[in-house]
Amino acid sequence: MLCFRKKYFYLGLLAFISCLLADGLYRDWIIRNDFNDYGLSGFLPSVTGTVAAIFLYLGLFQNNNAQLLHSAVGLWIGCLIYEVLQPTVGTGVFDIADLIAIFITGIVSCLFVYNR
C-alpha cells in the first residue's frame, strides 16, 4: 500500500468512527439532556460521513495519483446527491444545513487532496 493510501485510509477510518459516534452516542446524548449545541449534532454526521466516504475510498481503491482529485470530487458530488435524495429513498430527511455542511466539507477535503 502506498504511503498516501495508508494516510487516507486511516483518516477515513477515523472519520468513519467519528461518524458512528456522532450519529449514535453524541446526538442521542444531546437530545436526551436537552443541550443546545447550535445544531452540531444535526450536521456532524454529514461532515464526518463525507470525509469517511472520500478518504476510505481513496485509501482502499485508488492506485493512480492522477485520479485522486477526480475521485474525491466524484465522491463529494455523490454525497451531495445522496443528501438530496434521502427522502426519496427513505433513509432520512433533507436538511439544508446538512447540504451546506457536505458542500463545505467536500471543498476542504478536495483541497486537501489537491495540495497533497
Protein backbone atom coordinates (compact mmCIF):
# COMPACT_ATOMS: atom_id res chain seq x y z
CA MET A 1 0.00 0.00 0.00
CA LEU A 2 1.37 3.36 -0.98
CA CYS A 3 2.12 5.92 1.72
CA PHE A 4 -0.68 8.30 0.71
CA ARG A 5 -3.12 5.38 0.64
CA LYS A 6 -2.31 4.48 4.23
CA LYS A 7 -2.76 8.07 5.38
CA TYR A 8 -6.04 8.43 3.51
CA PHE A 9 -7.29 5.09 4.82
CA TYR A 10 -6.52 5.97 8.44
CA LEU A 11 -8.07 9.44 8.04
CA GLY A 12 -11.17 7.86 6.52
CA LEU A 13 -11.34 5.22 9.25
CA LEU A 14 -11.07 7.88 11.95
CA ALA A 15 -13.82 9.87 10.25
CA PHE A 16 -15.99 6.75 9.96
CA ILE A 17 -15.66 6.01 13.68
CA SER A 18 -16.37 9.67 14.43
CA CYS A 19 -19.46 9.47 12.21
CA LEU A 20 -20.78 6.46 14.11
CA LEU A 21 -20.16 8.19 17.43
CA ALA A 22 -21.67 11.47 16.26
CA ASP A 23 -24.75 9.81 14.79
CA GLY A 24 -25.36 7.45 17.68
CA LEU A 25 -23.92 8.43 21.02
CA TYR A 26 -23.42 12.18 20.68
CA ARG A 27 -26.73 13.01 19.03
CA ASP A 28 -28.68 10.83 21.48
CA TRP A 29 -26.84 12.37 24.44
CA ILE A 30 -27.57 15.92 23.24
CA ILE A 31 -31.26 15.16 22.71
CA ARG A 32 -31.63 13.24 25.97
CA ASN A 33 -30.04 16.02 28.03
CA ASP A 34 -31.73 18.82 26.07
CA PHE A 35 -28.47 20.66 25.37
CA ASN A 36 -28.12 23.38 22.77
CA ASP A 37 -25.10 22.55 20.65
CA TYR A 38 -26.12 25.04 17.93
CA GLY A 39 -27.10 22.26 15.52
CA LEU A 40 -23.77 20.43 15.64
CA SER A 41 -25.43 17.12 16.47
CA GLY A 42 -27.56 17.52 13.36
CA PHE A 43 -24.88 18.10 10.75
CA LEU A 44 -21.80 16.49 12.36
CA PRO A 45 -22.63 13.05 10.89
CA SER A 46 -22.81 14.65 7.43
CA VAL A 47 -19.37 16.20 7.87
CA THR A 48 -17.67 13.08 9.21
CA GLY A 49 -19.57 10.84 6.78
CA THR A 50 -18.36 12.86 3.79
CA VAL A 51 -14.76 12.73 4.98
CA ALA A 52 -15.11 9.00 5.62
CA ALA A 53 -16.55 8.31 2.16
CA ILE A 54 -13.88 10.27 0.34
CA PHE A 55 -10.82 9.12 2.23
CA LEU A 56 -11.80 5.49 2.79
CA TYR A 57 -12.37 5.14 -0.94
CA LEU A 58 -9.09 6.84 -1.81
CA GLY A 59 -7.23 4.76 0.76
CA LEU A 60 -8.72 1.44 -0.27
CA PHE A 61 -9.22 1.63 -4.01
CA GLN A 62 -7.25 4.44 -5.62
CA ASN A 63 -3.85 3.49 -7.03
CA ASN A 64 -3.45 6.22 -9.61
CA ASN A 65 -2.14 9.56 -8.29
CA ALA A 66 -3.53 11.36 -11.33
CA GLN A 67 -7.08 10.23 -10.49
CA LEU A 68 -7.10 11.17 -6.79
CA LEU A 69 -8.71 14.58 -7.16
CA HIS A 70 -11.13 13.33 -9.81
CA SER A 71 -12.28 10.52 -7.50
CA ALA A 72 -12.54 12.85 -4.49
CA VAL A 73 -14.73 15.30 -6.43
CA GLY A 74 -16.91 12.46 -7.71
CA LEU A 75 -17.43 11.10 -4.21
CA TRP A 76 -18.19 14.59 -2.90
CA ILE A 77 -20.85 15.08 -5.59
CA GLY A 78 -22.22 11.65 -4.73
CA CYS A 79 -22.55 12.68 -1.08
CA LEU A 80 -24.41 15.84 -2.14
CA ILE A 81 -26.78 13.84 -4.35
CA TYR A 82 -27.37 11.30 -1.59
CA GLU A 83 -28.32 14.08 0.84
CA VAL A 84 -30.86 15.47 -1.60
CA LEU A 85 -32.30 12.01 -2.38
CA GLN A 86 -32.61 10.79 1.22
CA PRO A 87 -36.38 11.45 1.47
CA THR A 88 -36.93 9.67 -1.85
CA VAL A 89 -35.00 6.53 -0.91
CA GLY A 90 -36.32 6.55 2.65
CA THR A 91 -33.02 6.81 4.51
CA GLY A 92 -33.53 10.19 6.14
CA VAL A 93 -34.83 13.70 5.72
CA PHE A 94 -33.50 16.53 3.61
CA ASP A 95 -31.85 19.26 5.66
CA ILE A 96 -30.29 22.35 4.12
CA ALA A 97 -27.76 22.54 6.98
CA ASP A 98 -26.56 19.05 6.07
CA LEU A 99 -26.27 20.02 2.42
CA ILE A 100 -24.22 23.11 3.31
CA ALA A 101 -22.04 21.04 5.67
CA ILE A 102 -21.37 18.47 2.94
CA PHE A 103 -20.62 21.22 0.43
CA ILE A 104 -18.04 22.89 2.69
CA THR A 105 -16.55 19.59 3.84
CA GLY A 106 -16.18 18.46 0.23
CA ILE A 107 -14.36 21.65 -0.72
CA VAL A 108 -11.96 21.28 2.21
CA SER A 109 -11.39 17.57 1.51
CA CYS A 110 -10.77 18.12 -2.20
CA LEU A 111 -8.38 20.97 -1.45
CA PHE A 112 -6.56 18.65 0.96
CA VAL A 113 -6.22 16.02 -1.79
CA TYR A 114 -5.20 18.66 -4.36
CA ASN A 115 -2.48 20.11 -2.10
CA ARG A 116 -1.12 16.70 -1.17
